[in-house]
Amino acid sequence: MSEVSGAPAALSEVVATIPVAEVAKSLSITVPRVNQLVRDGQLLSLRREGQTVVPADFIDGAAVVKGLGGTITVLRDGGFADDDILRWLFAADDSLPGTPIAALRAGRHREVKRRAQAMAF
């Protein structure tokens, strides 16, 4: 499985992203460790303007947003590609309300994971 999405439409251009090197600095880890987090499904990355980036909303201070890794795992196990997971995390969902990533950032990770499980299976 590729760690970097090649599809430019995987994420709207209005979604803020940060380069992997800045993610590493924010998390106080090395760039290879960030890449390992992507491979392990704790983060997702994509290519934007020739650079590997991570959506800024995936980082909360000096940590990855709680529940993000579990949500990614559930969706990957359900057969979703990383591009589809990115789209879903940033798509408005009236039942939450808001987007799944906003709900995760608000601490509603169990609710988001339940929706991911329903979609995946």
PDB file of N, CA and C in Angstrom:
ATOM      1  N   MET A   1       0.844  -1.173   0.000  1.00  0.00           N
ATOM      2  CA  MET A   1       0.000   0.000   0.000  1.00  0.00           C
ATOM      3  C   MET A   1       0.891   1.239   0.000  1.00  0.00           C
ATOM      4  N   SER A   2       0.562   2.170  -0.832  1.00  0.00           N
ATOM      5  CA  SER A   2       1.361   3.383  -0.948  1.00  0.00           C
ATOM      6  C   SER A   2       1.127   4.298   0.237  1.00  0.00           C
ATOM      7  N   GLU A   3       2.174   4.946   0.685  1.00  0.00           N
ATOM      8  CA  GLU A   3       2.033   5.854   1.812  1.00  0.00           C
ATOM      9  C   GLU A   3       1.629   7.249   1.376  1.00  0.00           C
ATOM     10  N   VAL A   4       1.741   7.540   0.073  1.00  0.00           N
ATOM     11  CA  VAL A   4       1.451   8.880  -0.402  1.00  0.00           C
ATOM     12  C   VAL A   4       0.390   8.805  -1.481  1.00  0.00           C
ATOM     13  N   SER A   5      -0.651   9.575  -1.324  1.00  0.00           N
ATOM     14  CA  SER A   5      -1.707   9.623  -2.312  1.00  0.00           C
ATOM     15  C   SER A   5      -1.222  10.392  -3.531  1.00  0.00           C
ATOM     16  N   GLY A   6      -1.480   9.867  -4.709  1.00  0.00           N
ATOM     17  CA  GLY A   6      -1.085  10.547  -5.920  1.00  0.00           C
ATOM     18  C   GLY A   6      -2.213  11.340  -6.545  1.00  0.00           C
ATOM     19  N   ALA A   7      -3.422  11.161  -6.082  1.00  0.00           N
ATOM     20  CA  ALA A   7      -4.579  11.817  -6.681  1.00  0.00           C
ATOM     21  C   ALA A   7      -4.732  13.230  -6.148  1.00  0.00           C
ATOM     22  N   PRO A   8      -4.631  14.235  -7.013  1.00  0.00           N
ATOM     23  CA  PRO A   8      -4.763  15.601  -6.540  1.00  0.00           C
ATOM     24  C   PRO A   8      -6.150  15.904  -5.994  1.00  0.00           C
ATOM     25  N   ALA A   9      -7.158  15.152  -6.416  1.00  0.00           N
ATOM     26  CA  ALA A   9      -8.517  15.413  -5.959  1.00  0.00           C
ATOM     27  C   ALA A   9      -8.833  14.721  -4.631  1.00  0.00           C
ATOM     28  N   ALA A  10      -7.852  14.063  -4.029  1.00  0.00           N
ATOM     29  CA  ALA A  10      -8.094  13.351  -2.775  1.00  0.00           C
ATOM     30  C   ALA A  10      -8.509  14.299  -1.665  1.00  0.00           C
ATOM     31  N   LEU A  11      -8.082  15.544  -1.760  1.00  0.00           N
ATOM     32  CA  LEU A  11      -8.352  16.511  -0.709  1.00  0.00           C
ATOM     33  C   LEU A  11      -8.486  17.889  -1.341  1.00  0.00           C
ATOM     34  N   SER A  12      -9.502  18.591  -0.960  1.00  0.00           N
ATOM     35  CA  SER A  12      -9.731  19.933  -1.484  1.00  0.00           C
ATOM     36  C   SER A  12      -8.527  20.826  -1.215  1.00  0.00           C
ATOM     37  N   GLU A  13      -8.270  21.725  -2.130  1.00  0.00           N
ATOM     38  CA  GLU A  13      -7.145  22.660  -1.966  1.00  0.00           C
ATOM     39  C   GLU A  13      -7.350  23.604  -0.782  1.00  0.00           C
ATOM     40  N   VAL A  14      -8.580  23.769  -0.311  1.00  0.00           N
ATOM     41  CA  VAL A  14      -8.825  24.671   0.820  1.00  0.00           C
ATOM     42  C   VAL A  14      -8.446  24.040   2.153  1.00  0.00           C
ATOM     43  N   VAL A  15      -8.220  22.720   2.178  1.00  0.00           N
ATOM     44  CA  VAL A  15      -7.805  22.051   3.401  1.00  0.00           C
ATOM     45  C   VAL A  15      -6.320  22.339   3.619  1.00  0.00           C
ATOM     46  N   ALA A  16      -6.008  22.918   4.773  1.00  0.00           N
ATOM     47  CA  ALA A  16      -4.623  23.265   5.095  1.00  0.00           C
ATOM     48  C   ALA A  16      -3.793  22.007   5.308  1.00  0.00           C
ATOM     49  N   THR A  17      -2.587  22.033   4.767  1.00  0.00           N
ATOM     50  CA  THR A  17      -1.664  20.924   4.939  1.00  0.00           C
ATOM     51  C   THR A  17      -0.322  21.461   5.425  1.00  0.00           C
ATOM     52  N   ILE A  18       0.462  20.568   6.008  1.00  0.00           N
ATOM     53  CA  ILE A  18       1.803  20.947   6.453  1.00  0.00           C
ATOM     54  C   ILE A  18       2.806  19.902   5.960  1.00  0.00           C
ATOM     55  N   PRO A  19       3.997  20.343   5.586  1.00  0.00           N
ATOM     56  CA  PRO A  19       5.013  19.400   5.117  1.00  0.00           C
ATOM     57  C   PRO A  19       5.398  18.396   6.206  1.00  0.00           C
ATOM     58  N   VAL A  20       5.817  17.224   5.769  1.00  0.00           N
ATOM     59  CA  VAL A  20       6.196  16.153   6.695  1.00  0.00           C
ATOM     60  C   VAL A  20       7.281  16.620   7.664  1.00  0.00           C
ATOM     61  N   ALA A  21       8.215  17.422   7.194  1.00  0.00           N
ATOM     62  CA  ALA A  21       9.288  17.907   8.086  1.00  0.00           C
ATOM     63  C   ALA A  21       8.718  18.735   9.231  1.00  0.00           C
ATOM     64  N   GLU A  22       7.685  19.536   8.954  1.00  0.00           N
ATOM     65  CA  GLU A  22       7.057  20.329  10.017  1.00  0.00           C
ATOM     66  C   GLU A  22       6.249  19.444  10.960  1.00  0.00           C
ATOM     67  N   VAL A  23       5.638  18.394  10.414  1.00  0.00           N
ATOM     68  CA  VAL A  23       4.917  17.433  11.258  1.00  0.00           C
ATOM     69  C   VAL A  23       5.903  16.799  12.232  1.00  0.00           C
ATOM     70  N   ALA A  24       7.058  16.395  11.710  1.00  0.00           N
ATOM     71  CA  ALA A  24       8.089  15.789  12.562  1.00  0.00           C
ATOM     72  C   ALA A  24       8.496  16.745  13.675  1.00  0.00           C
ATOM     73  N   LYS A  25       8.689  17.988  13.324  1.00  0.00           N
ATOM     74  CA  LYS A  25       9.084  18.985  14.325  1.00  0.00           C
ATOM     75  C   LYS A  25       7.985  19.167  15.376  1.00  0.00           C
ATOM     76  N   SER A  26       6.730  19.249  14.939  1.00  0.00           N
ATOM     77  CA  SER A  26       5.604  19.419  15.868  1.00  0.00           C
ATOM     78  C   SER A  26       5.481  18.249  16.838  1.00  0.00           C
ATOM     79  N   LEU A  27       5.730  17.046  16.324  1.00  0.00           N
ATOM     80  CA  LEU A  27       5.589  15.837  17.138  1.00  0.00           C
ATOM     81  C   LEU A  27       6.885  15.468  17.861  1.00  0.00           C
ATOM     82  N   SER A  28       7.950  16.240  17.630  1.00  0.00           N
ATOM     83  CA  SER A  28       9.269  15.971  18.223  1.00  0.00           C
ATOM     84  C   SER A  28       9.786  14.578  17.869  1.00  0.00           C
ATOM     85  N   ILE A  29       9.623  14.224  16.582  1.00  0.00           N
ATOM     86  CA  ILE A  29      10.127  12.953  16.076  1.00  0.00           C
ATOM     87  C   ILE A  29      10.860  13.220  14.763  1.00  0.00           C
ATOM     88  N   THR A  30      11.444  12.184  14.197  1.00  0.00           N
ATOM     89  CA  THR A  30      12.162  12.333  12.934  1.00  0.00           C
ATOM     90  C   THR A  30      11.210  12.172  11.746  1.00  0.00           C
ATOM     91  N   VAL A  31      11.651  12.647  10.584  1.00  0.00           N
ATOM     92  CA  VAL A  31      10.864  12.484   9.358  1.00  0.00           C
ATOM     93  C   VAL A  31      10.629  10.998   9.054  1.00  0.00           C
ATOM     94  N   PRO A  32      11.644  10.133   9.167  1.00  0.00           N
ATOM     95  CA  PRO A  32      11.364   8.707   8.935  1.00  0.00           C
ATOM     96  C   PRO A  32      10.289   8.150   9.888  1.00  0.00           C
ATOM     97  N   ARG A  33      10.245   8.650  11.104  1.00  0.00           N
ATOM     98  CA  ARG A  33       9.214   8.185  12.050  1.00  0.00           C
ATOM     99  C   ARG A  33       7.829   8.651  11.603  1.00  0.00           C
ATOM    100  N   VAL A  34       7.725   9.863  11.041  1.00  0.00           N
ATOM    101  CA  VAL A  34       6.441  10.335  10.491  1.00  0.00           C
ATOM    102  C   VAL A  34       6.026   9.411   9.351  1.00  0.00           C
ATOM    103  N   ASN A  35       6.973   9.079   8.485  1.00  0.00           N
ATOM    104  CA  ASN A  35       6.664   8.170   7.378  1.00  0.00           C
ATOM    105  C   ASN A  35       6.204   6.808   7.900  1.00  0.00           C
ATOM    106  N   GLN A  36       6.788   6.357   9.009  1.00  0.00           N
ATOM    107  CA  GLN A  36       6.362   5.099   9.616  1.00  0.00           C
ATOM    108  C   GLN A  36       4.941   5.214  10.163  1.00  0.00           C
ATOM    109  N   LEU A  37       4.591   6.351  10.751  1.00  0.00           N
ATOM    110  CA  LEU A  37       3.223   6.571  11.231  1.00  0.00           C
ATOM    111  C   LEU A  37       2.227   6.491  10.076  1.00  0.00           C
ATOM    112  N   VAL A  38       2.628   7.004   8.912  1.00  0.00           N
ATOM    113  CA  VAL A  38       1.771   6.925   7.730  1.00  0.00           C
ATOM    114  C   VAL A  38       1.623   5.460   7.305  1.00  0.00           C
ATOM    115  N   ARG A  39       2.724   4.746   7.223  1.00  0.00           N
ATOM    116  CA  ARG A  39       2.651   3.329   6.838  1.00  0.00           C
ATOM    117  C   ARG A  39       1.812   2.519   7.822  1.00  0.00           C
ATOM    118  N   ASP A  40       1.918   2.858   9.110  1.00  0.00           N
ATOM    119  CA  ASP A  40       1.179   2.135  10.148  1.00  0.00           C
ATOM    120  C   ASP A  40      -0.285   2.545  10.243  1.00  0.00           C
ATOM    121  N   GLY A  41      -0.685   3.581   9.497  1.00  0.00           N
ATOM    122  CA  GLY A  41      -2.075   4.008   9.512  1.00  0.00           C
ATOM    123  C   GLY A  41      -2.433   4.938  10.650  1.00  0.00           C
ATOM    124  N   GLN A  42      -1.451   5.540  11.272  1.00  0.00           N
ATOM    125  CA  GLN A  42      -1.737   6.524  12.319  1.00  0.00           C
ATOM    126  C   GLN A  42      -1.946   7.909  11.730  1.00  0.00           C
ATOM    127  N   LEU A  43      -1.433   8.118  10.532  1.00  0.00           N
ATOM    128  CA  LEU A  43      -1.564   9.368   9.781  1.00  0.00           C
ATOM    129  C   LEU A  43      -1.778   9.022   8.317  1.00  0.00           C
ATOM    130  N   LEU A  44      -2.258   9.978   7.547  1.00  0.00           N
ATOM    131  CA  LEU A  44      -2.313   9.872   6.097  1.00  0.00           C
ATOM    132  C   LEU A  44      -1.561  11.055   5.519  1.00  0.00           C
ATOM    133  N   SER A  45      -0.909  10.832   4.405  1.00  0.00           N
ATOM    134  CA  SER A  45      -0.211  11.916   3.727  1.00  0.00           C
ATOM    135  C   SER A  45      -0.653  11.937   2.272  1.00  0.00           C
ATOM    136  N   LEU A  46      -0.311  13.002   1.601  1.00  0.00           N
ATOM    137  CA  LEU A  46      -0.597  13.128   0.188  1.00  0.00           C
ATOM    138  C   LEU A  46       0.445  14.028  -0.430  1.00  0.00           C
ATOM    139  N   ARG A  47       0.451  14.069  -1.750  1.00  0.00           N
ATOM    140  CA  ARG A  47       1.374  14.946  -2.459  1.00  0.00           C
ATOM    141  C   ARG A  47       0.615  16.173  -2.902  1.00  0.00           C
ATOM    142  N   ARG A  48       1.230  17.311  -2.642  1.00  0.00           N
ATOM    143  CA  ARG A  48       0.666  18.581  -3.064  1.00  0.00           C
ATOM    144  C   ARG A  48       1.819  19.439  -3.549  1.00  0.00           C
ATOM    145  N   GLU A  49       1.737  19.852  -4.803  1.00  0.00           N
ATOM    146  CA  GLU A  49       2.786  20.678  -5.413  1.00  0.00           C
ATOM    147  C   GLU A  49       4.156  20.026  -5.274  1.00  0.00           C
ATOM    148  N   GLY A  50       4.201  18.707  -5.481  1.00  0.00           N
ATOM    149  CA  GLY A  50       5.458  17.979  -5.456  1.00  0.00           C
ATOM    150  C   GLY A  50       6.023  17.699  -4.077  1.00  0.00           C
ATOM    151  N   GLN A  51       5.281  18.043  -3.050  1.00  0.00           N
ATOM    152  CA  GLN A  51       5.770  17.870  -1.680  1.00  0.00           C
ATOM    153  C   GLN A  51       4.832  16.932  -0.916  1.00  0.00           C
ATOM    154  N   THR A  52       5.393  16.075  -0.078  1.00  0.00           N
ATOM    155  CA  THR A  52       4.575  15.214   0.768  1.00  0.00           C
ATOM    156  C   THR A  52       4.112  16.029   1.965  1.00  0.00           C
ATOM    157  N   VAL A  53       2.787  16.043   2.155  1.00  0.00           N
ATOM    158  CA  VAL A  53       2.189  16.843   3.219  1.00  0.00           C
ATOM    159  C   VAL A  53       1.169  16.013   3.988  1.00  0.00           C
ATOM    160  N   VAL A  54       0.813  16.525   5.151  1.00  0.00           N
ATOM    161  CA  VAL A  54      -0.194  15.917   6.020  1.00  0.00           C
ATOM    162  C   VAL A  54      -1.238  16.995   6.306  1.00  0.00           C
ATOM    163  N   PRO A  55      -2.517  16.660   6.281  1.00  0.00           N
ATOM    164  CA  PRO A  55      -3.520  17.663   6.644  1.00  0.00           C
ATOM    165  C   PRO A  55      -3.241  18.221   8.045  1.00  0.00           C
ATOM    166  N   ALA A  56      -3.262  19.530   8.165  1.00  0.00           N
ATOM    167  CA  ALA A  56      -2.955  20.192   9.437  1.00  0.00           C
ATOM    168  C   ALA A  56      -3.914  19.765  10.542  1.00  0.00           C
ATOM    169  N   ASP A  57      -5.149  19.439  10.193  1.00  0.00           N
ATOM    170  CA  ASP A  57      -6.130  19.037  11.199  1.00  0.00           C
ATOM    171  C   ASP A  57      -5.814  17.693  11.844  1.00  0.00           C
ATOM    172  N   PHE A  58      -4.863  16.952  11.299  1.00  0.00           N
ATOM    173  CA  PHE A  58      -4.482  15.670  11.884  1.00  0.00           C
ATOM    174  C   PHE A  58      -3.571  15.835  13.091  1.00  0.00           C
ATOM    175  N   ILE A  59      -3.031  17.039  13.271  1.00  0.00           N
ATOM    176  CA  ILE A  59      -2.095  17.300  14.362  1.00  0.00           C
ATOM    177  C   ILE A  59      -2.768  18.213  15.378  1.00  0.00           C
ATOM    178  N   ASP A  60      -2.697  17.822  16.647  1.00  0.00           N
ATOM    179  CA  ASP A  60      -3.276  18.605  17.735  1.00  0.00           C
ATOM    180  C   ASP A  60      -2.155  18.916  18.721  1.00  0.00           C
ATOM    181  N   GLY A  61      -1.577  20.090  18.568  1.00  0.00           N
ATOM    182  CA  GLY A  61      -0.453  20.454  19.424  1.00  0.00           C
ATOM    183  C   GLY A  61       0.750  19.607  19.098  1.00  0.00           C
ATOM    184  N   ALA A  62       1.168  18.804  20.064  1.00  0.00           N
ATOM    185  CA  ALA A  62       2.339  17.948  19.881  1.00  0.00           C
ATOM    186  C   ALA A  62       1.944  16.478  19.750  1.00  0.00           C
ATOM    187  N   ALA A  63       0.728  16.222  19.264  1.00  0.00           N
ATOM    188  CA  ALA A  63       0.251  14.850  19.134  1.00  0.00           C
ATOM    189  C   ALA A  63      -0.642  14.697  17.908  1.00  0.00           C
ATOM    190  N   VAL A  64      -0.787  13.452  17.479  1.00  0.00           N
ATOM    191  CA  VAL A  64      -1.752  13.127  16.436  1.00  0.00           C
ATOM    192  C   VAL A  64      -3.128  13.155  17.096  1.00  0.00           C
ATOM    193  N   VAL A  65      -4.126  13.644  16.384  1.00  0.00           N
ATOM    194  CA  VAL A  65      -5.483  13.732  16.924  1.00  0.00           C
ATOM    195  C   VAL A  65      -5.931  12.361  17.421  1.00  0.00           C
ATOM    196  N   LYS A  66      -6.452  12.328  18.634  1.00  0.00           N
ATOM    197  CA  LYS A  66      -6.906  11.084  19.252  1.00  0.00           C
ATOM    198  C   LYS A  66      -8.016  10.454  18.409  1.00  0.00           C
ATOM    199  N   GLY A  67      -7.881   9.172  18.180  1.00  0.00           N
ATOM    200  CA  GLY A  67      -8.893   8.425  17.433  1.00  0.00           C
ATOM    201  C   GLY A  67      -8.661   8.370  15.933  1.00  0.00           C
ATOM    202  N   LEU A  68      -7.746   9.186  15.421  1.00  0.00           N
ATOM    203  CA  LEU A  68      -7.503   9.201  13.976  1.00  0.00           C
ATOM    204  C   LEU A  68      -6.959   7.859  13.496  1.00  0.00           C
ATOM    205  N   GLY A  69      -5.965   7.342  14.178  1.00  0.00           N
ATOM    206  CA  GLY A  69      -5.361   6.072  13.764  1.00  0.00           C
ATOM    207  C   GLY A  69      -6.357   4.929  13.747  1.00  0.00           C
ATOM    208  N   GLY A  70      -7.180   4.843  14.770  1.00  0.00           N
ATOM    209  CA  GLY A  70      -8.191   3.787  14.824  1.00  0.00           C
ATOM    210  C   GLY A  70      -9.205   3.910  13.711  1.00  0.00           C
ATOM    211  N   THR A  71      -9.586   5.141  13.398  1.00  0.00           N
ATOM    212  CA  THR A  71     -10.545   5.379  12.319  1.00  0.00           C
ATOM    213  C   THR A  71      -9.943   4.976  10.976  1.00  0.00           C
ATOM    214  N   ILE A  72      -8.696   5.354  10.748  1.00  0.00           N
ATOM    215  CA  ILE A  72      -8.012   4.979   9.505  1.00  0.00           C
ATOM    216  C   ILE A  72      -7.941   3.463   9.390  1.00  0.00           C
ATOM    217  N   THR A  73      -7.591   2.792  10.483  1.00  0.00           N
ATOM    218  CA  THR A  73      -7.477   1.332  10.475  1.00  0.00           C
ATOM    219  C   THR A  73      -8.807   0.671  10.137  1.00  0.00           C
ATOM    220  N   VAL A  74      -9.885   1.131  10.764  1.00  0.00           N
ATOM    221  CA  VAL A  74     -11.205   0.565  10.491  1.00  0.00           C
ATOM    222  C   VAL A  74     -11.560   0.708   9.015  1.00  0.00           C
ATOM    223  N   LEU A  75     -11.319   1.891   8.469  1.00  0.00           N
ATOM    224  CA  LEU A  75     -11.670   2.121   7.069  1.00  0.00           C
ATOM    225  C   LEU A  75     -10.764   1.340   6.112  1.00  0.00           C
ATOM    226  N   ARG A  76      -9.466   1.268   6.414  1.00  0.00           N
ATOM    227  CA  ARG A  76      -8.568   0.467   5.571  1.00  0.00           C
ATOM    228  C   ARG A  76      -8.978  -1.004   5.613  1.00  0.00           C
ATOM    229  N   ASP A  77      -9.278  -1.502   6.814  1.00  0.00           N
ATOM    230  CA  ASP A  77      -9.699  -2.895   6.944  1.00  0.00           C
ATOM    231  C   ASP A  77     -11.000  -3.158   6.187  1.00  0.00           C
ATOM    232  N   GLY A  78     -11.819  -2.126   6.043  1.00  0.00           N
ATOM    233  CA  GLY A  78     -13.075  -2.248   5.305  1.00  0.00           C
ATOM    234  C   GLY A  78     -12.909  -2.090   3.805  1.00  0.00           C
ATOM    235  N   GLY A  79     -11.668  -1.927   3.348  1.00  0.00           N
ATOM    236  CA  GLY A  79     -11.415  -1.871   1.917  1.00  0.00           C
ATOM    237  C   GLY A  79     -11.309  -0.476   1.323  1.00  0.00           C
ATOM    238  N   PHE A  80     -11.334   0.547   2.150  1.00  0.00           N
ATOM    239  CA  PHE A  80     -11.236   1.910   1.634  1.00  0.00           C
ATOM    240  C   PHE A  80      -9.790   2.263   1.316  1.00  0.00           C
ATOM    241  N   ALA A  81      -9.591   2.921   0.194  1.00  0.00           N
ATOM    242  CA  ALA A  81      -8.273   3.430  -0.181  1.00  0.00           C
ATOM    243  C   ALA A  81      -8.009   4.718   0.593  1.00  0.00           C
ATOM    244  N   ASP A  82      -6.739   5.058   0.729  1.00  0.00           N
ATOM    245  CA  ASP A  82      -6.374   6.264   1.488  1.00  0.00           C
ATOM    246  C   ASP A  82      -7.015   7.525   0.914  1.00  0.00           C
ATOM    247  N   ASP A  83      -7.121   7.621  -0.413  1.00  0.00           N
ATOM    248  CA  ASP A  83      -7.777   8.786  -1.024  1.00  0.00           C
ATOM    249  C   ASP A  83      -9.225   8.903  -0.548  1.00  0.00           C
ATOM    250  N   ASP A  84      -9.918   7.771  -0.504  1.00  0.00           N
ATOM    251  CA  ASP A  84     -11.320   7.772  -0.067  1.00  0.00           C
ATOM    252  C   ASP A  84     -11.430   8.127   1.415  1.00  0.00           C
ATOM    253  N   ILE A  85     -10.489   7.660   2.208  1.00  0.00           N
ATOM    254  CA  ILE A  85     -10.487   7.982   3.639  1.00  0.00           C
ATOM    255  C   ILE A  85     -10.287   9.479   3.826  1.00  0.00           C
ATOM    256  N   LEU A  86      -9.352  10.059   3.087  1.00  0.00           N
ATOM    257  CA  LEU A  86      -9.129  11.509   3.175  1.00  0.00           C
ATOM    258  C   LEU A  86     -10.402  12.272   2.818  1.00  0.00           C
ATOM    259  N   ARG A  87     -11.027  11.883   1.719  1.00  0.00           N
ATOM    260  CA  ARG A  87     -12.263  12.567   1.302  1.00  0.00           C
ATOM    261  C   ARG A  87     -13.328  12.465   2.396  1.00  0.00           C
ATOM    262  N   TRP A  88     -13.490  11.267   2.955  1.00  0.00           N
ATOM    263  CA  TRP A  88     -14.521  11.051   3.973  1.00  0.00           C
ATOM    264  C   TRP A  88     -14.247  11.867   5.231  1.00  0.00           C
ATOM    265  N   LEU A  89     -13.003  11.914   5.664  1.00  0.00           N
ATOM    266  CA  LEU A  89     -12.666  12.644   6.886  1.00  0.00           C
ATOM    267  C   LEU A  89     -12.987  14.136   6.784  1.00  0.00           C
ATOM    268  N   PHE A  90     -12.930  14.681   5.575  1.00  0.00           N
ATOM    269  CA  PHE A  90     -13.152  16.112   5.389  1.00  0.00           C
ATOM    270  C   PHE A  90     -14.494  16.441   4.742  1.00  0.00           C
ATOM    271  N   ALA A  91     -15.350  15.444   4.540  1.00  0.00           N
ATOM    272  CA  ALA A  91     -16.673  15.669   3.951  1.00  0.00           C
ATOM    273  C   ALA A  91     -17.689  15.975   5.050  1.00  0.00           C
ATOM    274  N   ALA A  92     -18.547  16.930   4.786  1.00  0.00           N
ATOM    275  CA  ALA A  92     -19.589  17.292   5.756  1.00  0.00           C
ATOM    276  C   ALA A  92     -20.520  16.108   5.984  1.00  0.00           C
ATOM    277  N   ASP A  93     -20.891  15.906   7.239  1.00  0.00           N
ATOM    278  CA  ASP A  93     -21.798  14.825   7.624  1.00  0.00           C
ATOM    279  C   ASP A  93     -22.826  15.419   8.568  1.00  0.00           C
ATOM    280  N   ASP A  94     -24.055  15.574   8.083  1.00  0.00           N
ATOM    281  CA  ASP A  94     -25.108  16.199   8.877  1.00  0.00           C
ATOM    282  C   ASP A  94     -25.423  15.436  10.157  1.00  0.00           C
ATOM    283  N   SER A  95     -25.132  14.144  10.178  1.00  0.00           N
ATOM    284  CA  SER A  95     -25.440  13.359  11.369  1.00  0.00           C
ATOM    285  C   SER A  95     -24.436  13.590  12.495  1.00  0.00           C
ATOM    286  N   LEU A  96     -23.290  14.216  12.208  1.00  0.00           N
ATOM    287  CA  LEU A  96     -22.308  14.431  13.284  1.00  0.00           C
ATOM    288  C   LEU A  96     -22.603  15.669  14.135  1.00  0.00           C
ATOM    289  N   PRO A  97     -22.909  16.796  13.781  1.00  0.00           N
ATOM    290  CA  PRO A  97     -22.776  17.489  12.490  1.00  0.00           C
ATOM    291  C   PRO A  97     -21.340  17.954  12.282  1.00  0.00           C
ATOM    292  N   GLY A  98     -21.051  18.340  11.057  1.00  0.00           N
ATOM    293  CA  GLY A  98     -19.704  18.770  10.691  1.00  0.00           C
ATOM    294  C   GLY A  98     -18.989  17.677   9.933  1.00  0.00           C
ATOM    295  N   THR A  99     -17.680  17.707   9.977  1.00  0.00           N
ATOM    296  CA  THR A  99     -16.882  16.691   9.303  1.00  0.00           C
ATOM    297  C   THR A  99     -16.363  15.681  10.328  1.00  0.00           C
ATOM    298  N   PRO A 100     -16.065  14.464   9.882  1.00  0.00           N
ATOM    299  CA  PRO A 100     -15.502  13.491  10.818  1.00  0.00           C
ATOM    300  C   PRO A 100     -14.213  13.984  11.492  1.00  0.00           C
ATOM    301  N   ILE A 101     -13.343  14.670  10.755  1.00  0.00           N
ATOM    302  CA  ILE A 101     -12.104  15.143  11.390  1.00  0.00           C
ATOM    303  C   ILE A 101     -12.407  16.197  12.446  1.00  0.00           C
ATOM    304  N   ALA A 102     -13.400  17.047  12.208  1.00  0.00           N
ATOM    305  CA  ALA A 102     -13.777  18.040  13.227  1.00  0.00           C
ATOM    306  C   ALA A 102     -14.324  17.343  14.469  1.00  0.00           C
ATOM    307  N   ALA A 103     -15.087  16.277  14.270  1.00  0.00           N
ATOM    308  CA  ALA A 103     -15.625  15.519  15.401  1.00  0.00           C
ATOM    309  C   ALA A 103     -14.494  14.846  16.177  1.00  0.00           C
ATOM    310  N   LEU A 104     -13.511  14.291  15.466  1.00  0.00           N
ATOM    311  CA  LEU A 104     -12.357  13.699  16.151  1.00  0.00           C
ATOM    312  C   LEU A 104     -11.632  14.749  16.980  1.00  0.00           C
ATOM    313  N   ARG A 105     -11.416  15.921  16.393  1.00  0.00           N
ATOM    314  CA  ARG A 105     -10.717  16.993  17.103  1.00  0.00           C
ATOM    315  C   ARG A 105     -11.505  17.467  18.319  1.00  0.00           C
ATOM    316  N   ALA A 106     -12.829  17.305  18.267  1.00  0.00           N
ATOM    317  CA  ALA A 106     -13.684  17.710  19.384  1.00  0.00           C
ATOM    318  C   ALA A 106     -13.809  16.612  20.441  1.00  0.00           C
ATOM    319  N   GLY A 107     -13.096  15.499  20.237  1.00  0.00           N
ATOM    320  CA  GLY A 107     -13.122  14.423  21.228  1.00  0.00           C
ATOM    321  C   GLY A 107     -14.228  13.415  21.030  1.00  0.00           C
ATOM    322  N   ARG A 108     -14.894  13.446  19.892  1.00  0.00           N
ATOM    323  CA  ARG A 108     -16.004  12.523  19.637  1.00  0.00           C
ATOM    324  C   ARG A 108     -15.533  11.340  18.780  1.00  0.00           C
ATOM    325  N   HIS A 109     -14.379  10.787  19.139  1.00  0.00           N
ATOM    326  CA  HIS A 109     -13.774   9.728  18.341  1.00  0.00           C
ATOM    327  C   HIS A 109     -14.585   8.449  18.319  1.00  0.00           C
ATOM    328  N   ARG A 110     -15.269   8.123  19.388  1.00  0.00           N
ATOM    329  CA  ARG A 110     -16.089   6.893  19.398  1.00  0.00           C
ATOM    330  C   ARG A 110     -17.231   7.000  18.399  1.00  0.00           C
ATOM    331  N   GLU A 111     -17.838   8.155  18.347  1.00  0.00           N
ATOM    332  CA  GLU A 111     -18.932   8.388  17.412  1.00  0.00           C
ATOM    333  C   GLU A 111     -18.445   8.274  15.959  1.00  0.00           C
ATOM    334  N   VAL A 112     -17.292   8.855  15.688  1.00  0.00           N
ATOM    335  CA  VAL A 112     -16.720   8.796  14.341  1.00  0.00           C
ATOM    336  C   VAL A 112     -16.353   7.353  13.995  1.00  0.00           C
ATOM    337  N   LYS A 113     -15.751   6.644  14.924  1.00  0.00           N
ATOM    338  CA  LYS A 113     -15.350   5.266  14.659  1.00  0.00           C
ATOM    339  C   LYS A 113     -16.572   4.381  14.403  1.00  0.00           C
ATOM    340  N   ARG A 114     -17.682   4.626  15.106  1.00  0.00           N
ATOM    341  CA  ARG A 114     -18.911   3.861  14.852  1.00  0.00           C
ATOM    342  C   ARG A 114     -19.401   4.085  13.427  1.00  0.00           C
ATOM    343  N   ARG A 115     -19.356   5.323  12.969  1.00  0.00           N
ATOM    344  CA  ARG A 115     -19.762   5.611  11.590  1.00  0.00           C
ATOM    345  C   ARG A 115     -18.821   4.958  10.590  1.00  0.00           C
ATOM    346  N   ALA A 116     -17.539   4.973  10.887  1.00  0.00           N
ATOM    347  CA  ALA A 116     -16.555   4.334  10.004  1.00  0.00           C
ATOM    348  C   ALA A 116     -16.807   2.830   9.945  1.00  0.00           C
ATOM    349  N   GLN A 117     -17.109   2.219  11.074  1.00  0.00           N
ATOM    350  CA  GLN A 117     -17.395   0.791  11.093  1.00  0.00           C
ATOM    351  C   GLN A 117     -18.640   0.473  10.282  1.00  0.00           C
ATOM    352  N   ALA A 118     -19.656   1.303  10.379  1.00  0.00           N
ATOM    353  CA  ALA A 118     -20.894   1.083   9.621  1.00  0.00           C
ATOM    354  C   ALA A 118     -20.630   1.192   8.118  1.00  0.00           C
ATOM    355  N   MET A 119     -19.769   2.116   7.724  1.00  0.00           N
ATOM    356  CA  MET A 119     -19.445   2.291   6.311  1.00  0.00           C
ATOM    357  C   MET A 119     -18.589   1.142   5.796  1.00  0.00           C
ATOM    358  N   ALA A 120     -17.663   0.681   6.619  1.00  0.00           N
ATOM    359  CA  ALA A 120     -16.678  -0.284   6.182  1.00  0.00           C
ATOM    360  C   ALA A 120     -17.230  -1.714   6.088  1.00  0.00           C
ATOM    361  N   PHE A 121     -18.297  -1.992   6.817  1.00  0.00           N
ATOM    362  CA  PHE A 121     -18.782  -3.372   6.831  1.00  0.00           C
ATOM    363  C   PHE A 121     -20.225  -3.496   6.501  1.00  0.00           C
TER     364      PHE A 121
END
